[in-house]
Amino acid sequence: MTKTCSWYRCASLCRGLLLVIGLLCATQAVAASSDYRLSSGDMISIHVYGEEDLTLETRLGESGVINYPYLGMIRVKGLSVAELERKLVTGLKGDYLINPSVHVSILEYRPFYIYGEVKKPGGYPYQPGLTVERAVALAGGLTERASKSDMTINRNASTLKVTMSSTVYPDDSILIKDSFF
């Protein structure tokens, strides 16, 4: 009996810890996505519950504008997912629907780019929580000549010196320079 009780107590404790870890990871992902701004190249999904004709999946073009049923042309570029949801609810409420429930999600993020001393330079799909180290791994790893300390990211017309643990965002261009030693 004692062994069984101890096992159940341990299993309950493990389930509780897993739940807490899962909630922390979900909270971190939500926080990261709330800061994310939509732009050209993002693939989004818009779903209005109970209104299938208002469901839309689209990739944002250079203009950052989408043509949405009943509302026409809407500028999406620069908005967060939550801001776009509020904008759609406001537009649909009243004239078209009594209490619209709108959900917007990002199906595919725009890419980041990595070049220089990596085995497979090029553009890769962005993933939330991406670091320079993970970007290097996606690009096949470093070449023999790569510097592990001389790396930069070009972001919004600025060049930043970074480390392997630095965060990468969509549209970033990572340059891994060569080492002289």
C-alpha atoms as a PDB file:
ATOM      1  CA  MET A   1       0.000   0.000   0.000  1.00  0.00           C
ATOM      2  CA  THR A   2       2.723   2.473   0.899  1.00  0.00           C
ATOM      3  CA  LYS A   3       4.584   1.989  -2.383  1.00  0.00           C
ATOM      4  CA  THR A   4       1.368   2.498  -4.349  1.00  0.00           C
ATOM      5  CA  CYS A   5       0.504   5.705  -2.474  1.00  0.00           C
ATOM      6  CA  SER A   6       4.010   7.078  -3.007  1.00  0.00           C
ATOM      7  CA  TRP A   7       3.814   6.292  -6.701  1.00  0.00           C
ATOM      8  CA  TYR A   8       0.451   8.074  -7.056  1.00  0.00           C
ATOM      9  CA  ARG A   9       1.766  11.084  -5.144  1.00  0.00           C
ATOM     10  CA  CYS A  10       4.843  11.229  -7.380  1.00  0.00           C
ATOM     11  CA  ALA A  11       2.731  10.874 -10.538  1.00  0.00           C
ATOM     12  CA  SER A  12       0.417  13.678  -9.373  1.00  0.00           C
ATOM     13  CA  LEU A  13       3.371  15.924  -8.631  1.00  0.00           C
ATOM     14  CA  CYS A  14       4.871  15.228 -12.087  1.00  0.00           C
ATOM     15  CA  ARG A  15       1.551  15.999 -13.803  1.00  0.00           C
ATOM     16  CA  GLY A  16       1.345  19.267 -11.869  1.00  0.00           C
ATOM     17  CA  LEU A  17       4.895  20.236 -12.847  1.00  0.00           C
ATOM     18  CA  LEU A  18       4.228  19.419 -16.507  1.00  0.00           C
ATOM     19  CA  LEU A  19       1.099  21.573 -16.424  1.00  0.00           C
ATOM     20  CA  VAL A  20       3.021  24.522 -14.950  1.00  0.00           C
ATOM     21  CA  ILE A  21       5.821  24.142 -17.535  1.00  0.00           C
ATOM     22  CA  GLY A  22       3.259  23.972 -20.352  1.00  0.00           C
ATOM     23  CA  LEU A  23       1.512  27.120 -19.115  1.00  0.00           C
ATOM     24  CA  LEU A  24       4.821  28.997 -18.872  1.00  0.00           C
ATOM     25  CA  CYS A  25       5.741  28.007 -22.451  1.00  0.00           C
ATOM     26  CA  ALA A  26       2.303  29.018 -23.738  1.00  0.00           C
ATOM     27  CA  THR A  27       2.512  32.364 -21.913  1.00  0.00           C
ATOM     28  CA  GLN A  28       5.942  33.034 -23.430  1.00  0.00           C
ATOM     29  CA  ALA A  29       4.669  32.203 -26.948  1.00  0.00           C
ATOM     30  CA  VAL A  30       1.630  34.468 -26.491  1.00  0.00           C
ATOM     31  CA  ALA A  31       3.828  37.318 -25.230  1.00  0.00           C
ATOM     32  CA  ALA A  32       6.135  36.944 -28.232  1.00  0.00           C
ATOM     33  CA  SER A  33       3.252  36.850 -30.698  1.00  0.00           C
ATOM     34  CA  SER A  34       1.553  39.922 -29.163  1.00  0.00           C
ATOM     35  CA  ASP A  35       4.630  42.006 -30.067  1.00  0.00           C
ATOM     36  CA  TYR A  36       4.784  40.617 -33.596  1.00  0.00           C
ATOM     37  CA  ARG A  37       3.776  43.053 -36.337  1.00  0.00           C
ATOM     38  CA  LEU A  38       2.264  41.772 -39.561  1.00  0.00           C
ATOM     39  CA  SER A  39       4.036  42.620 -42.799  1.00  0.00           C
ATOM     40  CA  SER A  40       4.566  41.576 -46.409  1.00  0.00           C
ATOM     41  CA  GLY A  41       5.112  37.837 -46.764  1.00  0.00           C
ATOM     42  CA  ASP A  42       3.109  36.744 -43.703  1.00  0.00           C
ATOM     43  CA  MET A  43       0.356  34.190 -44.354  1.00  0.00           C
ATOM     44  CA  ILE A  44      -2.658  34.827 -42.110  1.00  0.00           C
ATOM     45  CA  SER A  45      -5.977  33.160 -41.425  1.00  0.00           C
ATOM     46  CA  ILE A  46      -9.094  35.087 -40.420  1.00  0.00           C
ATOM     47  CA  HIS A  47     -12.019  33.134 -39.021  1.00  0.00           C
ATOM     48  CA  VAL A  48     -15.359  34.569 -37.853  1.00  0.00           C
ATOM     49  CA  TYR A  49     -17.177  31.942 -35.816  1.00  0.00           C
ATOM     50  CA  GLY A  50     -20.493  30.935 -37.345  1.00  0.00           C
ATOM     51  CA  GLU A  51     -19.785  32.880 -40.561  1.00  0.00           C
ATOM     52  CA  GLU A  52     -17.909  30.620 -42.989  1.00  0.00           C
ATOM     53  CA  ASP A  53     -18.211  33.158 -45.823  1.00  0.00           C
ATOM     54  CA  LEU A  54     -16.022  35.524 -43.769  1.00  0.00           C
ATOM     55  CA  THR A  55     -13.174  32.995 -43.421  1.00  0.00           C
ATOM     56  CA  LEU A  56     -10.059  34.061 -45.312  1.00  0.00           C
ATOM     57  CA  GLU A  57      -6.511  32.759 -45.736  1.00  0.00           C
ATOM     58  CA  THR A  58      -4.136  35.113 -47.503  1.00  0.00           C
ATOM     59  CA  ARG A  59      -0.478  36.026 -47.871  1.00  0.00           C
ATOM     60  CA  LEU A  60       0.172  39.721 -47.321  1.00  0.00           C
ATOM     61  CA  GLY A  61       1.559  41.455 -50.388  1.00  0.00           C
ATOM     62  CA  GLU A  62       3.915  44.437 -50.554  1.00  0.00           C
ATOM     63  CA  SER A  63       1.053  46.874 -50.026  1.00  0.00           C
ATOM     64  CA  GLY A  64       0.083  45.248 -46.719  1.00  0.00           C
ATOM     65  CA  VAL A  65      -3.580  45.600 -47.642  1.00  0.00           C
ATOM     66  CA  ILE A  66      -6.205  42.834 -47.819  1.00  0.00           C
ATOM     67  CA  ASN A  67      -9.622  42.850 -49.458  1.00  0.00           C
ATOM     68  CA  TYR A  68     -12.020  41.552 -46.793  1.00  0.00           C
ATOM     69  CA  PRO A  69     -15.690  40.672 -47.440  1.00  0.00           C
ATOM     70  CA  TYR A  70     -18.143  43.477 -46.522  1.00  0.00           C
ATOM     71  CA  LEU A  71     -15.316  45.760 -45.324  1.00  0.00           C
ATOM     72  CA  GLY A  72     -13.298  46.160 -48.514  1.00  0.00           C
ATOM     73  CA  MET A  73      -9.638  47.136 -48.446  1.00  0.00           C
ATOM     74  CA  ILE A  74      -8.064  46.999 -44.972  1.00  0.00           C
ATOM     75  CA  ARG A  75      -4.481  48.011 -44.151  1.00  0.00           C
ATOM     76  CA  VAL A  76      -2.993  45.146 -42.132  1.00  0.00           C
ATOM     77  CA  LYS A  77       0.739  45.894 -42.359  1.00  0.00           C
ATOM     78  CA  GLY A  78       2.136  47.034 -39.017  1.00  0.00           C
ATOM     79  CA  LEU A  79      -0.757  45.683 -36.931  1.00  0.00           C
ATOM     80  CA  SER A  80      -0.485  42.982 -34.289  1.00  0.00           C
ATOM     81  CA  VAL A  81      -2.851  40.008 -34.477  1.00  0.00           C
ATOM     82  CA  ALA A  82      -4.918  41.435 -31.585  1.00  0.00           C
ATOM     83  CA  GLU A  83      -5.153  44.854 -33.276  1.00  0.00           C
ATOM     84  CA  LEU A  84      -6.349  43.251 -36.517  1.00  0.00           C
ATOM     85  CA  GLU A  85      -8.946  41.214 -34.603  1.00  0.00           C
ATOM     86  CA  ARG A  86     -10.263  44.402 -32.927  1.00  0.00           C
ATOM     87  CA  LYS A  87     -10.345  46.234 -36.257  1.00  0.00           C
ATOM     88  CA  LEU A  88     -12.391  43.436 -37.862  1.00  0.00           C
ATOM     89  CA  VAL A  89     -14.783  43.168 -34.898  1.00  0.00           C
ATOM     90  CA  THR A  90     -15.362  46.939 -35.012  1.00  0.00           C
ATOM     91  CA  GLY A  91     -15.972  46.860 -38.769  1.00  0.00           C
ATOM     92  CA  LEU A  92     -18.352  43.892 -38.700  1.00  0.00           C
ATOM     93  CA  LYS A  93     -20.275  44.805 -35.550  1.00  0.00           C
ATOM     94  CA  GLY A  94     -23.597  46.536 -36.022  1.00  0.00           C
ATOM     95  CA  ASP A  95     -24.205  46.713 -39.755  1.00  0.00           C
ATOM     96  CA  TYR A  96     -23.304  43.097 -40.495  1.00  0.00           C
ATOM     97  CA  LEU A  97     -23.208  41.068 -37.262  1.00  0.00           C
ATOM     98  CA  ILE A  98     -24.520  41.574 -33.727  1.00  0.00           C
ATOM     99  CA  ASN A  99     -21.533  40.250 -31.773  1.00  0.00           C
ATOM    100  CA  PRO A 100     -18.817  38.924 -34.115  1.00  0.00           C
ATOM    101  CA  SER A 101     -16.208  36.553 -32.708  1.00  0.00           C
ATOM    102  CA  VAL A 102     -13.078  36.987 -34.815  1.00  0.00           C
ATOM    103  CA  HIS A 103      -9.912  34.917 -34.602  1.00  0.00           C
ATOM    104  CA  VAL A 104      -6.756  35.835 -36.562  1.00  0.00           C
ATOM    105  CA  SER A 105      -3.743  33.541 -36.654  1.00  0.00           C
ATOM    106  CA  ILE A 106      -0.416  33.544 -38.435  1.00  0.00           C
ATOM    107  CA  LEU A 107      -0.105  30.448 -40.604  1.00  0.00           C
ATOM    108  CA  GLU A 108       3.355  31.246 -41.914  1.00  0.00           C
ATOM    109  CA  TYR A 109       5.794  33.949 -40.864  1.00  0.00           C
ATOM    110  CA  ARG A 110       7.887  35.868 -43.382  1.00  0.00           C
ATOM    111  CA  PRO A 111      11.450  34.556 -43.735  1.00  0.00           C
ATOM    112  CA  PHE A 112      14.773  35.593 -42.256  1.00  0.00           C
ATOM    113  CA  TYR A 113      18.036  35.393 -44.186  1.00  0.00           C
ATOM    114  CA  ILE A 114      21.452  34.058 -43.247  1.00  0.00           C
ATOM    115  CA  TYR A 115      24.636  34.319 -45.287  1.00  0.00           C
ATOM    116  CA  GLY A 116      28.386  34.378 -44.971  1.00  0.00           C
ATOM    117  CA  GLU A 117      30.218  31.466 -43.403  1.00  0.00           C
ATOM    118  CA  VAL A 118      27.338  28.968 -43.123  1.00  0.00           C
ATOM    119  CA  LYS A 119      27.004  25.757 -45.124  1.00  0.00           C
ATOM    120  CA  LYS A 120      23.621  26.576 -46.711  1.00  0.00           C
ATOM    121  CA  PRO A 121      23.094  30.350 -46.931  1.00  0.00           C
ATOM    122  CA  GLY A 122      19.665  31.618 -47.937  1.00  0.00           C
ATOM    123  CA  GLY A 123      16.205  32.484 -46.728  1.00  0.00           C
ATOM    124  CA  TYR A 124      14.448  30.323 -44.133  1.00  0.00           C
ATOM    125  CA  PRO A 125      10.964  30.427 -42.600  1.00  0.00           C
ATOM    126  CA  TYR A 126      10.925  32.340 -39.330  1.00  0.00           C
ATOM    127  CA  GLN A 127       9.933  30.480 -36.175  1.00  0.00           C
ATOM    128  CA  PRO A 128       8.961  32.186 -32.896  1.00  0.00           C
ATOM    129  CA  GLY A 129      11.786  32.040 -30.349  1.00  0.00           C
ATOM    130  CA  LEU A 130      14.480  31.837 -33.033  1.00  0.00           C
ATOM    131  CA  THR A 131      18.070  32.656 -32.017  1.00  0.00           C
ATOM    132  CA  VAL A 132      21.211  33.092 -34.117  1.00  0.00           C
ATOM    133  CA  GLU A 133      22.378  29.651 -32.949  1.00  0.00           C
ATOM    134  CA  ARG A 134      19.160  28.010 -34.190  1.00  0.00           C
ATOM    135  CA  ALA A 135      19.331  29.967 -37.445  1.00  0.00           C
ATOM    136  CA  VAL A 136      22.868  28.672 -37.990  1.00  0.00           C
ATOM    137  CA  ALA A 137      21.609  25.133 -37.378  1.00  0.00           C
ATOM    138  CA  LEU A 138      18.856  25.612 -39.974  1.00  0.00           C
ATOM    139  CA  ALA A 139      21.544  26.776 -42.418  1.00  0.00           C
ATOM    140  CA  GLY A 140      23.506  23.543 -41.969  1.00  0.00           C
ATOM    141  CA  GLY A 141      25.980  24.835 -39.392  1.00  0.00           C
ATOM    142  CA  LEU A 142      29.086  26.966 -39.578  1.00  0.00           C
ATOM    143  CA  THR A 143      31.866  26.466 -42.101  1.00  0.00           C
ATOM    144  CA  GLU A 144      35.421  25.775 -40.922  1.00  0.00           C
ATOM    145  CA  ARG A 145      36.338  29.431 -41.493  1.00  0.00           C
ATOM    146  CA  ALA A 146      33.388  30.909 -39.575  1.00  0.00           C
ATOM    147  CA  SER A 147      33.873  33.277 -36.688  1.00  0.00           C
ATOM    148  CA  LYS A 148      31.898  32.390 -33.596  1.00  0.00           C
ATOM    149  CA  SER A 149      32.129  35.944 -32.289  1.00  0.00           C
ATOM    150  CA  ASP A 150      31.955  38.225 -35.333  1.00  0.00           C
ATOM    151  CA  MET A 151      28.304  38.182 -36.401  1.00  0.00           C
ATOM    152  CA  THR A 152      25.855  40.930 -37.316  1.00  0.00           C
ATOM    153  CA  ILE A 153      22.164  41.269 -38.029  1.00  0.00           C
ATOM    154  CA  ASN A 154      20.777  43.835 -40.448  1.00  0.00           C
ATOM    155  CA  ARG A 155      17.382  44.864 -39.062  1.00  0.00           C
ATOM    156  CA  ASN A 156      15.301  47.825 -40.200  1.00  0.00           C
ATOM    157  CA  ALA A 157      18.259  49.533 -41.905  1.00  0.00           C
ATOM    158  CA  SER A 158      20.449  49.107 -38.795  1.00  0.00           C
ATOM    159  CA  THR A 159      23.411  46.774 -38.314  1.00  0.00           C
ATOM    160  CA  LEU A 160      23.678  45.160 -34.884  1.00  0.00           C
ATOM    161  CA  LYS A 161      26.561  43.117 -33.478  1.00  0.00           C
ATOM    162  CA  VAL A 162      25.102  39.872 -32.070  1.00  0.00           C
ATOM    163  CA  THR A 163      26.001  36.646 -30.287  1.00  0.00           C
ATOM    164  CA  MET A 164      24.737  33.105 -30.788  1.00  0.00           C
ATOM    165  CA  SER A 165      22.014  33.679 -28.172  1.00  0.00           C
ATOM    166  CA  SER A 166      20.648  36.859 -29.809  1.00  0.00           C
ATOM    167  CA  THR A 167      17.023  36.840 -30.947  1.00  0.00           C
ATOM    168  CA  VAL A 168      16.224  36.734 -34.664  1.00  0.00           C
ATOM    169  CA  TYR A 169      13.106  38.341 -36.168  1.00  0.00           C
ATOM    170  CA  PRO A 170      11.429  38.019 -39.565  1.00  0.00           C
ATOM    171  CA  ASP A 171      13.178  39.978 -42.328  1.00  0.00           C
ATOM    172  CA  ASP A 172      16.474  39.919 -40.391  1.00  0.00           C
ATOM    173  CA  SER A 173      19.630  39.292 -42.425  1.00  0.00           C
ATOM    174  CA  ILE A 174      22.303  37.501 -40.408  1.00  0.00           C
ATOM    175  CA  LEU A 175      25.913  37.757 -41.548  1.00  0.00           C
ATOM    176  CA  ILE A 176      28.388  35.231 -40.162  1.00  0.00           C
ATOM    177  CA  LYS A 177      31.821  36.652 -40.893  1.00  0.00           C
ATOM    178  CA  ASP A 178      34.995  34.632 -41.387  1.00  0.00           C
ATOM    179  CA  SER A 179      37.619  34.168 -38.716  1.00  0.00           C
ATOM    180  CA  PHE A 180      41.231  35.079 -39.371  1.00  0.00           C
ATOM    181  CA  PHE A 181      42.600  32.507 -36.905  1.00  0.00           C
END
